[in-house]
Amino acid sequence: MQRTIEPELKYCPQCGGEYRAEITACAVCVAPLVSGRDLIDRQRQEERKLADRRRPIRPDDELVSIQKGPVIQMQMVQAVLKRAGIPSLAAGDSGTSCASGGCGGPNLVIQVRMSDVEDVHAVLAEDYLRSTGLHDHDLSAVDAVFDTEADFALCPACGCRFSTTQDSCPECGLCFA
């Protein structure tokens, strides 16, 4: 169900709250409100962008390679893009050579329109977070380093702060020995 946007009202761009025309900031988010007219214009621009994005790739479109890998993995990437309405092409990788006998099979290169690259990155990043479950985790400590010279360490897996005299995280058990 799509709600009706009234041009004479104001809306919060963050939470979607609806306000009278004289209100200037959202009571919940404290974000500046936008007019219904502006919101309608933004939605129309987004609809035009999505309609253009869904059009098939033409021979004169500028293409960019976004990922290379085994056929089955590239088919999965194409399926994710297709669900988001982004067309893509799969091309054979001319750099793949099985002459040495160590080939894991043919590789494909996924290509998209240059104009879609920003959307492709956003779609693939969201799919990665969703498929790995990382969207449910605090990733702020992911770059933490276990320094034996420091008094305390921050676990990169769970963010627990603990003494470096211990060789594993007391919270999650990650071993640093």
N, C-alpha and C. Protein backbone atom coordinates (compact mmCIF):
# COMPACT_ATOMS: atom_id res chain seq x y z
N MET A 1 0.84 -1.18 0.00
CA MET A 1 0.00 0.00 0.00
C MET A 1 0.89 1.24 0.00
N GLN A 2 0.65 2.11 -0.94
CA GLN A 2 1.43 3.33 -1.04
C GLN A 2 0.62 4.48 -0.48
N ARG A 3 1.26 5.27 0.39
CA ARG A 3 0.53 6.38 1.00
C ARG A 3 0.50 7.57 0.04
N THR A 4 -0.49 8.41 0.24
CA THR A 4 -0.65 9.61 -0.57
C THR A 4 0.15 10.73 0.06
N ILE A 5 0.92 11.41 -0.75
CA ILE A 5 1.69 12.56 -0.28
C ILE A 5 0.93 13.81 -0.67
N GLU A 6 0.66 14.61 0.33
CA GLU A 6 -0.06 15.86 0.11
C GLU A 6 0.94 16.98 -0.16
N PRO A 7 0.85 17.67 -1.29
CA PRO A 7 1.83 18.71 -1.64
C PRO A 7 1.92 19.85 -0.61
N GLU A 8 0.81 20.17 0.08
CA GLU A 8 0.82 21.30 1.00
C GLU A 8 1.33 20.94 2.41
N LEU A 9 1.58 19.66 2.67
CA LEU A 9 2.10 19.24 3.97
C LEU A 9 3.62 19.10 3.91
N LYS A 10 4.24 18.83 5.07
CA LYS A 10 5.68 18.60 5.13
C LYS A 10 5.92 17.19 5.66
N TYR A 11 7.12 16.65 5.29
CA TYR A 11 7.44 15.27 5.63
C TYR A 11 8.88 15.18 6.11
N CYS A 12 9.10 14.24 7.02
CA CYS A 12 10.45 13.97 7.49
C CYS A 12 11.13 13.04 6.49
N PRO A 13 12.30 13.43 5.97
CA PRO A 13 12.99 12.57 5.01
C PRO A 13 13.60 11.32 5.64
N GLN A 14 13.71 11.30 6.98
CA GLN A 14 14.31 10.14 7.64
C GLN A 14 13.27 9.11 8.08
N CYS A 15 12.26 9.54 8.82
CA CYS A 15 11.28 8.58 9.34
C CYS A 15 9.96 8.58 8.58
N GLY A 16 9.76 9.57 7.70
CA GLY A 16 8.54 9.64 6.91
C GLY A 16 7.37 10.29 7.61
N GLY A 17 7.60 10.86 8.80
CA GLY A 17 6.52 11.53 9.54
C GLY A 17 5.89 12.65 8.72
N GLU A 18 4.59 12.83 8.92
CA GLU A 18 3.83 13.85 8.19
C GLU A 18 3.48 14.99 9.14
N TYR A 19 3.68 16.24 8.69
CA TYR A 19 3.47 17.42 9.54
C TYR A 19 2.69 18.50 8.80
N ARG A 20 2.12 19.40 9.59
CA ARG A 20 1.46 20.58 9.02
C ARG A 20 2.52 21.46 8.37
N ALA A 21 2.09 22.33 7.48
CA ALA A 21 3.00 23.16 6.69
C ALA A 21 3.86 24.10 7.53
N GLU A 22 3.38 24.56 8.69
CA GLU A 22 4.15 25.52 9.49
C GLU A 22 5.25 24.87 10.34
N ILE A 23 5.26 23.55 10.46
CA ILE A 23 6.28 22.84 11.26
C ILE A 23 7.56 22.77 10.42
N THR A 24 8.71 22.95 11.06
CA THR A 24 9.98 22.99 10.31
C THR A 24 10.90 21.80 10.58
N ALA A 25 10.73 21.13 11.74
CA ALA A 25 11.62 20.00 12.08
C ALA A 25 10.81 18.83 12.61
N CYS A 26 11.28 17.64 12.39
CA CYS A 26 10.63 16.42 12.85
C CYS A 26 10.72 16.33 14.38
N ALA A 27 9.62 16.00 15.01
CA ALA A 27 9.60 15.86 16.47
C ALA A 27 10.37 14.62 16.93
N VAL A 28 10.50 13.63 16.09
CA VAL A 28 11.18 12.39 16.44
C VAL A 28 12.66 12.45 16.08
N CYS A 29 12.97 12.80 14.82
CA CYS A 29 14.35 12.77 14.31
C CYS A 29 15.08 14.11 14.43
N VAL A 30 14.34 15.18 14.63
CA VAL A 30 14.85 16.54 14.68
C VAL A 30 15.45 16.94 13.32
N ALA A 31 15.10 16.20 12.28
CA ALA A 31 15.60 16.51 10.93
C ALA A 31 14.74 17.62 10.32
N PRO A 32 15.34 18.46 9.48
CA PRO A 32 14.55 19.46 8.77
C PRO A 32 13.54 18.78 7.84
N LEU A 33 12.33 19.30 7.81
CA LEU A 33 11.27 18.71 7.00
C LEU A 33 11.35 19.19 5.55
N VAL A 34 10.81 18.39 4.65
CA VAL A 34 10.73 18.77 3.24
C VAL A 34 9.25 18.88 2.88
N SER A 35 8.98 19.73 1.92
CA SER A 35 7.59 19.93 1.51
C SER A 35 7.11 18.70 0.73
N GLY A 36 5.81 18.53 0.72
CA GLY A 36 5.22 17.44 -0.04
C GLY A 36 5.55 17.56 -1.52
N ARG A 37 5.58 18.80 -2.03
CA ARG A 37 5.94 19.01 -3.44
C ARG A 37 7.35 18.50 -3.74
N ASP A 38 8.30 18.85 -2.84
CA ASP A 38 9.67 18.38 -3.04
C ASP A 38 9.75 16.85 -2.97
N LEU A 39 9.01 16.27 -2.05
CA LEU A 39 9.02 14.81 -1.91
C LEU A 39 8.44 14.13 -3.15
N ILE A 40 7.37 14.70 -3.68
CA ILE A 40 6.77 14.18 -4.90
C ILE A 40 7.77 14.28 -6.06
N ASP A 41 8.46 15.42 -6.17
CA ASP A 41 9.47 15.59 -7.22
C ASP A 41 10.59 14.56 -7.08
N ARG A 42 11.05 14.33 -5.85
CA ARG A 42 12.10 13.33 -5.61
C ARG A 42 11.64 11.93 -6.03
N GLN A 43 10.40 11.60 -5.69
CA GLN A 43 9.87 10.27 -6.04
C GLN A 43 9.78 10.12 -7.56
N ARG A 44 9.36 11.17 -8.24
CA ARG A 44 9.28 11.10 -9.71
C ARG A 44 10.66 10.93 -10.33
N GLN A 45 11.66 11.65 -9.79
CA GLN A 45 13.03 11.50 -10.28
C GLN A 45 13.53 10.08 -10.06
N GLU A 46 13.25 9.52 -8.88
CA GLU A 46 13.67 8.16 -8.57
C GLU A 46 12.98 7.15 -9.49
N GLU A 47 11.69 7.37 -9.77
CA GLU A 47 10.95 6.48 -10.68
C GLU A 47 11.54 6.54 -12.09
N ARG A 48 11.90 7.76 -12.56
CA ARG A 48 12.53 7.89 -13.88
C ARG A 48 13.88 7.18 -13.91
N LYS A 49 14.64 7.33 -12.82
CA LYS A 49 15.95 6.69 -12.72
C LYS A 49 15.79 5.17 -12.77
N LEU A 50 14.82 4.63 -12.01
CA LEU A 50 14.59 3.19 -11.99
C LEU A 50 14.12 2.69 -13.35
N ALA A 51 13.26 3.45 -14.02
CA ALA A 51 12.79 3.05 -15.34
C ALA A 51 13.95 3.02 -16.33
N ASP A 52 14.84 4.01 -16.25
CA ASP A 52 16.00 4.04 -17.14
C ASP A 52 16.94 2.88 -16.82
N ARG A 53 17.10 2.58 -15.52
CA ARG A 53 18.00 1.51 -15.10
C ARG A 53 17.50 0.15 -15.59
N ARG A 54 16.21 -0.04 -15.66
CA ARG A 54 15.64 -1.34 -16.05
C ARG A 54 15.67 -1.58 -17.55
N ARG A 55 15.96 -0.56 -18.33
CA ARG A 55 16.00 -0.77 -19.78
C ARG A 55 17.14 -1.70 -20.13
N PRO A 56 16.97 -2.51 -21.17
CA PRO A 56 18.04 -3.44 -21.56
C PRO A 56 19.32 -2.70 -21.95
N ILE A 57 20.43 -3.38 -21.79
CA ILE A 57 21.73 -2.81 -22.19
C ILE A 57 21.77 -2.74 -23.71
N ARG A 58 22.17 -1.58 -24.23
CA ARG A 58 22.25 -1.36 -25.68
C ARG A 58 23.71 -1.41 -26.12
N PRO A 59 23.95 -1.65 -27.39
CA PRO A 59 25.34 -1.71 -27.89
C PRO A 59 26.14 -0.43 -27.67
N ASP A 60 25.46 0.71 -27.61
CA ASP A 60 26.18 1.98 -27.45
C ASP A 60 26.38 2.38 -25.98
N ASP A 61 25.89 1.57 -25.03
CA ASP A 61 26.09 1.86 -23.61
C ASP A 61 27.55 1.63 -23.22
N GLU A 62 28.07 2.52 -22.38
CA GLU A 62 29.43 2.34 -21.86
C GLU A 62 29.35 1.33 -20.72
N LEU A 63 30.11 0.23 -20.85
CA LEU A 63 30.09 -0.84 -19.86
C LEU A 63 31.35 -0.83 -19.02
N VAL A 64 31.22 -1.34 -17.80
CA VAL A 64 32.35 -1.47 -16.90
C VAL A 64 32.27 -2.85 -16.25
N SER A 65 33.42 -3.50 -16.12
CA SER A 65 33.48 -4.81 -15.46
C SER A 65 33.47 -4.59 -13.95
N ILE A 66 32.60 -5.34 -13.26
CA ILE A 66 32.50 -5.14 -11.81
C ILE A 66 33.02 -6.32 -11.01
N GLN A 67 33.01 -7.52 -11.60
CA GLN A 67 33.44 -8.68 -10.84
C GLN A 67 33.81 -9.80 -11.80
N LYS A 68 34.79 -10.62 -11.38
CA LYS A 68 35.23 -11.76 -12.17
C LYS A 68 35.29 -12.97 -11.26
N GLY A 69 34.85 -14.11 -11.76
CA GLY A 69 34.92 -15.31 -10.95
C GLY A 69 34.34 -16.51 -11.66
N PRO A 70 34.23 -17.63 -10.93
CA PRO A 70 33.67 -18.85 -11.50
C PRO A 70 32.22 -18.64 -11.95
N VAL A 71 31.83 -19.43 -12.94
CA VAL A 71 30.51 -19.27 -13.57
C VAL A 71 29.39 -19.25 -12.54
N ILE A 72 29.36 -20.21 -11.62
CA ILE A 72 28.25 -20.31 -10.67
C ILE A 72 28.16 -19.08 -9.77
N GLN A 73 29.31 -18.55 -9.35
CA GLN A 73 29.30 -17.35 -8.51
C GLN A 73 28.83 -16.13 -9.29
N MET A 74 29.23 -16.04 -10.55
CA MET A 74 28.82 -14.89 -11.35
C MET A 74 27.34 -14.96 -11.70
N GLN A 75 26.81 -16.18 -11.83
CA GLN A 75 25.37 -16.33 -12.04
C GLN A 75 24.60 -15.84 -10.81
N MET A 76 25.16 -16.09 -9.63
CA MET A 76 24.52 -15.62 -8.39
C MET A 76 24.55 -14.09 -8.33
N VAL A 77 25.67 -13.48 -8.73
CA VAL A 77 25.76 -12.01 -8.75
C VAL A 77 24.73 -11.45 -9.73
N GLN A 78 24.62 -12.07 -10.89
CA GLN A 78 23.63 -11.60 -11.87
C GLN A 78 22.21 -11.73 -11.33
N ALA A 79 21.93 -12.78 -10.58
CA ALA A 79 20.59 -12.95 -10.01
C ALA A 79 20.27 -11.84 -9.01
N VAL A 80 21.26 -11.47 -8.20
CA VAL A 80 21.07 -10.38 -7.23
C VAL A 80 20.79 -9.07 -7.98
N LEU A 81 21.56 -8.81 -9.01
CA LEU A 81 21.36 -7.58 -9.80
C LEU A 81 20.00 -7.59 -10.49
N LYS A 82 19.61 -8.73 -11.02
CA LYS A 82 18.33 -8.83 -11.71
C LYS A 82 17.17 -8.54 -10.77
N ARG A 83 17.24 -9.07 -9.53
CA ARG A 83 16.19 -8.80 -8.53
C ARG A 83 16.08 -7.31 -8.23
N ALA A 84 17.20 -6.60 -8.34
CA ALA A 84 17.20 -5.15 -8.09
C ALA A 84 16.86 -4.36 -9.35
N GLY A 85 16.60 -5.06 -10.45
CA GLY A 85 16.23 -4.39 -11.69
C GLY A 85 17.42 -3.81 -12.44
N ILE A 86 18.61 -4.33 -12.20
CA ILE A 86 19.81 -3.83 -12.87
C ILE A 86 20.27 -4.87 -13.89
N PRO A 87 20.23 -4.53 -15.18
CA PRO A 87 20.68 -5.48 -16.19
C PRO A 87 22.20 -5.62 -16.17
N SER A 88 22.67 -6.82 -16.54
CA SER A 88 24.11 -7.07 -16.60
C SER A 88 24.40 -8.05 -17.72
N LEU A 89 25.66 -8.08 -18.10
CA LEU A 89 26.13 -9.03 -19.11
C LEU A 89 27.22 -9.89 -18.49
N ALA A 90 27.26 -11.15 -18.89
CA ALA A 90 28.34 -12.04 -18.47
C ALA A 90 29.19 -12.31 -19.70
N ALA A 91 30.48 -12.04 -19.59
CA ALA A 91 31.40 -12.25 -20.70
C ALA A 91 32.48 -13.23 -20.28
N GLY A 92 32.96 -14.01 -21.23
CA GLY A 92 34.06 -14.92 -20.95
C GLY A 92 35.32 -14.13 -20.64
N ASP A 93 36.12 -14.64 -19.71
CA ASP A 93 37.38 -13.98 -19.33
C ASP A 93 38.49 -14.49 -20.24
N SER A 94 38.99 -13.64 -21.11
CA SER A 94 40.02 -14.05 -22.06
C SER A 94 41.34 -14.33 -21.37
N GLY A 95 41.52 -13.90 -20.13
CA GLY A 95 42.76 -14.12 -19.40
C GLY A 95 42.82 -15.48 -18.72
N THR A 96 41.74 -16.26 -18.79
CA THR A 96 41.72 -17.57 -18.14
C THR A 96 42.48 -18.57 -19.00
N SER A 97 43.41 -19.25 -18.39
CA SER A 97 44.18 -20.26 -19.10
C SER A 97 44.22 -21.53 -18.28
N CYS A 98 43.85 -22.63 -18.91
CA CYS A 98 43.88 -23.93 -18.22
C CYS A 98 45.07 -24.76 -18.68
N ALA A 99 46.01 -24.17 -19.41
CA ALA A 99 47.14 -24.90 -19.96
C ALA A 99 48.02 -25.50 -18.86
N SER A 100 48.08 -24.87 -17.70
CA SER A 100 48.94 -25.37 -16.62
C SER A 100 48.32 -26.55 -15.88
N GLY A 101 47.05 -26.83 -16.13
CA GLY A 101 46.38 -27.95 -15.47
C GLY A 101 45.80 -27.59 -14.11
N GLY A 102 46.06 -26.40 -13.61
CA GLY A 102 45.56 -26.01 -12.30
C GLY A 102 44.31 -25.17 -12.37
N CYS A 103 43.66 -25.20 -13.48
CA CYS A 103 42.48 -24.35 -13.68
C CYS A 103 41.28 -24.88 -12.91
N GLY A 104 40.60 -24.00 -12.24
CA GLY A 104 39.40 -24.38 -11.51
C GLY A 104 38.16 -24.25 -12.36
N GLY A 105 38.32 -24.09 -13.64
CA GLY A 105 37.20 -23.94 -14.55
C GLY A 105 37.18 -22.55 -15.13
N PRO A 106 36.27 -22.32 -16.08
CA PRO A 106 36.23 -21.01 -16.74
C PRO A 106 35.71 -19.92 -15.80
N ASN A 107 36.17 -18.72 -16.05
CA ASN A 107 35.71 -17.55 -15.31
C ASN A 107 34.86 -16.68 -16.21
N LEU A 108 33.95 -15.96 -15.60
CA LEU A 108 33.15 -14.96 -16.29
C LEU A 108 33.43 -13.60 -15.69
N VAL A 109 33.21 -12.58 -16.48
CA VAL A 109 33.31 -11.20 -16.03
C VAL A 109 31.91 -10.59 -16.14
N ILE A 110 31.43 -10.01 -15.05
CA ILE A 110 30.12 -9.35 -15.05
C ILE A 110 30.32 -7.89 -15.42
N GLN A 111 29.54 -7.43 -16.39
CA GLN A 111 29.61 -6.05 -16.84
C GLN A 111 28.25 -5.38 -16.67
N VAL A 112 28.30 -4.11 -16.28
CA VAL A 112 27.09 -3.29 -16.13
C VAL A 112 27.34 -1.95 -16.79
N ARG A 113 26.27 -1.21 -16.98
CA ARG A 113 26.42 0.14 -17.53
C ARG A 113 27.16 1.02 -16.52
N MET A 114 28.01 1.88 -17.03
CA MET A 114 28.75 2.81 -16.17
C MET A 114 27.79 3.64 -15.33
N SER A 115 26.65 3.99 -15.89
CA SER A 115 25.68 4.82 -15.16
C SER A 115 25.02 4.07 -14.00
N ASP A 116 25.14 2.74 -13.97
CA ASP A 116 24.53 1.94 -12.91
C ASP A 116 25.52 1.55 -11.81
N VAL A 117 26.79 1.90 -11.95
CA VAL A 117 27.82 1.41 -11.04
C VAL A 117 27.52 1.75 -9.58
N GLU A 118 27.11 2.96 -9.31
CA GLU A 118 26.82 3.37 -7.92
C GLU A 118 25.72 2.50 -7.32
N ASP A 119 24.66 2.28 -8.09
CA ASP A 119 23.55 1.44 -7.62
C ASP A 119 24.00 -0.02 -7.46
N VAL A 120 24.84 -0.50 -8.37
CA VAL A 120 25.35 -1.86 -8.29
C VAL A 120 26.13 -2.07 -7.00
N HIS A 121 27.02 -1.12 -6.68
CA HIS A 121 27.79 -1.24 -5.44
C HIS A 121 26.88 -1.27 -4.22
N ALA A 122 25.86 -0.43 -4.21
CA ALA A 122 24.93 -0.40 -3.07
C ALA A 122 24.16 -1.72 -2.97
N VAL A 123 23.69 -2.24 -4.09
CA VAL A 123 22.92 -3.50 -4.09
C VAL A 123 23.80 -4.66 -3.63
N LEU A 124 25.03 -4.74 -4.14
CA LEU A 124 25.92 -5.85 -3.77
C LEU A 124 26.36 -5.74 -2.31
N ALA A 125 26.58 -4.53 -1.83
CA ALA A 125 26.95 -4.35 -0.42
C ALA A 125 25.81 -4.78 0.49
N GLU A 126 24.60 -4.40 0.16
CA GLU A 126 23.43 -4.79 0.96
C GLU A 126 23.24 -6.30 0.92
N ASP A 127 23.42 -6.91 -0.25
CA ASP A 127 23.29 -8.36 -0.36
C ASP A 127 24.36 -9.06 0.48
N TYR A 128 25.57 -8.54 0.49
CA TYR A 128 26.64 -9.12 1.29
C TYR A 128 26.30 -9.07 2.78
N LEU A 129 25.85 -7.91 3.24
CA LEU A 129 25.48 -7.79 4.65
C LEU A 129 24.32 -8.71 5.01
N ARG A 130 23.34 -8.79 4.12
CA ARG A 130 22.18 -9.65 4.38
C ARG A 130 22.59 -11.12 4.37
N SER A 131 23.35 -11.55 3.38
CA SER A 131 23.68 -12.97 3.24
C SER A 131 24.69 -13.46 4.28
N THR A 132 25.50 -12.57 4.82
CA THR A 132 26.47 -12.97 5.84
C THR A 132 25.94 -12.77 7.25
N GLY A 133 24.84 -12.06 7.38
CA GLY A 133 24.30 -11.76 8.70
C GLY A 133 25.02 -10.61 9.39
N LEU A 134 25.91 -9.94 8.69
CA LEU A 134 26.69 -8.88 9.31
C LEU A 134 25.88 -7.62 9.60
N HIS A 135 24.71 -7.48 8.99
CA HIS A 135 23.88 -6.30 9.28
C HIS A 135 23.39 -6.30 10.71
N ASP A 136 23.44 -7.47 11.37
CA ASP A 136 23.01 -7.57 12.77
C ASP A 136 24.14 -7.32 13.76
N HIS A 137 25.35 -7.07 13.28
CA HIS A 137 26.51 -6.96 14.16
C HIS A 137 27.11 -5.56 14.15
N ASP A 138 27.70 -5.22 15.28
CA ASP A 138 28.44 -3.96 15.39
C ASP A 138 29.83 -4.20 14.80
N LEU A 139 30.14 -3.54 13.70
CA LEU A 139 31.43 -3.74 13.03
C LEU A 139 32.44 -2.66 13.38
N SER A 140 32.19 -1.88 14.41
CA SER A 140 33.08 -0.77 14.74
C SER A 140 34.46 -1.22 15.20
N ALA A 141 34.59 -2.44 15.71
CA ALA A 141 35.89 -2.92 16.21
C ALA A 141 36.58 -3.87 15.24
N VAL A 142 36.05 -3.99 14.04
CA VAL A 142 36.57 -4.98 13.09
C VAL A 142 38.04 -4.75 12.72
N ASP A 143 38.54 -3.54 12.79
CA ASP A 143 39.93 -3.24 12.45
C ASP A 143 40.85 -3.26 13.67
N ALA A 144 40.35 -3.68 14.82
CA ALA A 144 41.17 -3.70 16.03
C ALA A 144 42.32 -4.70 15.88
N VAL A 145 43.45 -4.36 16.47
CA VAL A 145 44.66 -5.20 16.41
C VAL A 145 45.03 -5.61 17.82
N PHE A 146 45.39 -6.88 17.99
CA PHE A 146 45.82 -7.37 19.31
C PHE A 146 47.30 -7.02 19.47
N ASP A 147 47.58 -6.07 20.35
CA ASP A 147 48.94 -5.59 20.59
C ASP A 147 49.38 -6.09 21.97
N THR A 148 50.36 -7.01 21.99
CA THR A 148 50.82 -7.59 23.26
C THR A 148 51.51 -6.57 24.14
N GLU A 149 51.97 -5.46 23.57
CA GLU A 149 52.64 -4.40 24.33
C GLU A 149 51.64 -3.51 25.07
N ALA A 150 50.40 -3.52 24.63
CA ALA A 150 49.36 -2.68 25.25
C ALA A 150 48.82 -3.37 26.50
N ASP A 151 48.25 -2.58 27.39
CA ASP A 151 47.66 -3.13 28.61
C ASP A 151 46.33 -3.83 28.32
N PHE A 152 45.56 -3.24 27.40
CA PHE A 152 44.26 -3.78 27.07
C PHE A 152 44.13 -3.92 25.56
N ALA A 153 43.27 -4.85 25.14
CA ALA A 153 42.99 -5.07 23.73
C ALA A 153 41.49 -4.97 23.51
N LEU A 154 41.13 -4.71 22.27
CA LEU A 154 39.73 -4.68 21.86
C LEU A 154 39.54 -5.83 20.88
N CYS A 155 38.65 -6.75 21.18
CA CYS A 155 38.42 -7.92 20.33
C CYS A 155 37.78 -7.47 19.02
N PRO A 156 38.38 -7.81 17.87
CA PRO A 156 37.81 -7.41 16.59
C PRO A 156 36.52 -8.16 16.26
N ALA A 157 36.27 -9.28 16.93
CA ALA A 157 35.07 -10.06 16.65
C ALA A 157 33.84 -9.55 17.39
N CYS A 158 34.02 -9.21 18.69
CA CYS A 158 32.84 -8.84 19.48
C CYS A 158 32.94 -7.46 20.15
N GLY A 159 34.14 -6.84 20.11
CA GLY A 159 34.30 -5.52 20.69
C GLY A 159 34.58 -5.51 22.18
N CYS A 160 34.75 -6.67 22.78
CA CYS A 160 35.02 -6.77 24.23
C CYS A 160 36.42 -6.21 24.52
N ARG A 161 36.53 -5.45 25.60
CA ARG A 161 37.82 -4.91 26.04
C ARG A 161 38.35 -5.82 27.14
N PHE A 162 39.61 -6.32 26.96
CA PHE A 162 40.17 -7.25 27.94
C PHE A 162 41.68 -7.07 28.05
N SER A 163 42.24 -7.62 29.11
CA SER A 163 43.67 -7.50 29.38
C SER A 163 44.46 -8.34 28.39
N THR A 164 45.60 -7.82 27.93
CA THR A 164 46.44 -8.55 26.98
C THR A 164 47.22 -9.68 27.66
N THR A 165 47.07 -9.85 28.97
CA THR A 165 47.68 -11.00 29.62
C THR A 165 46.91 -12.27 29.27
N GLN A 166 45.69 -12.12 28.79
CA GLN A 166 44.88 -13.24 28.34
C GLN A 166 45.17 -13.47 26.86
N ASP A 167 45.16 -14.72 26.40
CA ASP A 167 45.44 -14.98 24.99
C ASP A 167 44.17 -15.27 24.18
N SER A 168 43.01 -15.11 24.82
CA SER A 168 41.76 -15.23 24.09
C SER A 168 40.74 -14.27 24.70
N CYS A 169 39.78 -13.91 23.89
CA CYS A 169 38.72 -12.99 24.33
C CYS A 169 37.81 -13.70 25.34
N PRO A 170 37.60 -13.11 26.53
CA PRO A 170 36.74 -13.75 27.53
C PRO A 170 35.26 -13.75 27.12
N GLU A 171 34.90 -12.90 26.18
CA GLU A 171 33.49 -12.80 25.76
C GLU A 171 33.14 -13.82 24.68
N CYS A 172 33.93 -13.87 23.59
CA CYS A 172 33.57 -14.73 22.47
C CYS A 172 34.53 -15.90 22.26
N GLY A 173 35.70 -15.87 22.92
CA GLY A 173 36.64 -16.99 22.82
C GLY A 173 37.63 -16.89 21.67
N LEU A 174 37.61 -15.79 20.92
CA LEU A 174 38.57 -15.64 19.82
C LEU A 174 39.98 -15.73 20.38
N CYS A 175 40.79 -16.60 19.79
CA CYS A 175 42.14 -16.88 20.31
C CYS A 175 43.16 -16.01 19.60
N PHE A 176 44.09 -15.43 20.39
CA PHE A 176 45.14 -14.55 19.86
C PHE A 176 46.53 -15.16 20.04
N ALA A 177 46.63 -16.42 20.44
CA ALA A 177 47.94 -17.06 20.69
C ALA A 177 48.62 -17.46 19.40
